[in-house]
Structure formats: structure tokens, C-alpha cells
Amino acid sequence: METGSLEGTGAAADQPVWRGLRPGLLRVRRLLLVVWTGVLAVAAGLLPGLLAGPAWALCALLPAVFAAWCWRLLGHNWRSWRYAERADDLLISRGVLWREETVVPYGRMQLVEVTSGPLERRFGLATVQLHTAAAATDATIPGLDPAEAERLRDRLTELGQARSAGL
């Protein structure tokens, strides 16, 4: 009986601790959706309305309907992003319909970048990009707190140097 409880505790300790992204990333993406929807609504309503008549101005509703659908999809996509640091590698998981899980061994990392564009800085966000020898395995974690992004960069760089020293 006690052996079973010890095994259960050991199995739980081996599970990665997943971390999600900051809500600011969802706000940024939804803000961009609203801005682009407005531009498309004006273009879709103004041009046909002027060229073909006022009834065609209703075409401006099409981008708004599409944006309402995308609003929900952005929420699902944002919730699907997560990452976990393990002893030997970093896990990144994302995707709603097609789940994608990337495993990046610390010893294979060549470069860890932290970037933050103007819109990201305005919302207090940063992106960590990992570069490996194989271009197909480069990984990105968007929407992190800048302090967390720097902590993650420093930790991954330190672990990468320690793991690659043995190669």
C-alpha cells in the first residue's frame, strides 16, 4: 500500500510543470483583429457602395462577421500555448486542431533571443526565440512577461552551455 503511494508521488514529480502565456498577448492579437477588421470593413463597404450603389455597402458586414468568428479562435489559440522546463529539455506545446509539441534539448541550443516590438512593449510582453542547429526545430514562445523572458533566456543559455560542454 505504501509502495503504491510512493510510486504515485514519483510519477507526479516527473510530470512537467506547464506555464501559459500572459493575457496581454490575447489583447494584442484581438486589438490587431479589430484594427484590420475596421480597415477591411471600410474597404469592403465603401468601394462597392460608391461603385455599385448603397445596397452593396452591406458588404462591410462580412469582415465584422468574420472578425467575430476569429475573436473566439484567438482565445482558443492563446489558451493552447504553453511551455515547460524539464531537466534536459524545454517543451513547447500549441495548437487547437493540430497539436504541436516541440522538444528542444538544452545541449542543442545555439542562440536564445528575447525580442519585443513596439506593440509588445506597450502591452508589457516579450518573445523568446530559440535557435538550434536544425532550422526546422527553432522554437518561439510569444507573450511572456519581459522579466520572465530574460530569466528564461539566462537559464536556457546557462543550461545550454553546461549541456553542450559534454559534447
Foldseek 3Di string as FASTA:
>chain_A
DVVVVVVVVVVVVQDFDKDAFDCLVLVLVLVVLVVVLVVVLCVQQVVCCVVPHNVSSCSSVVSVVVSVVVNVVSVQQRVQWIWTDDPFWIWTWTDDPDIDIATGGLQFWDAWDKDADPSRVVSQWIKIWTDGPDNVRIDIDTRHHVVVSVVVRVVSPVSNVVNNVVD
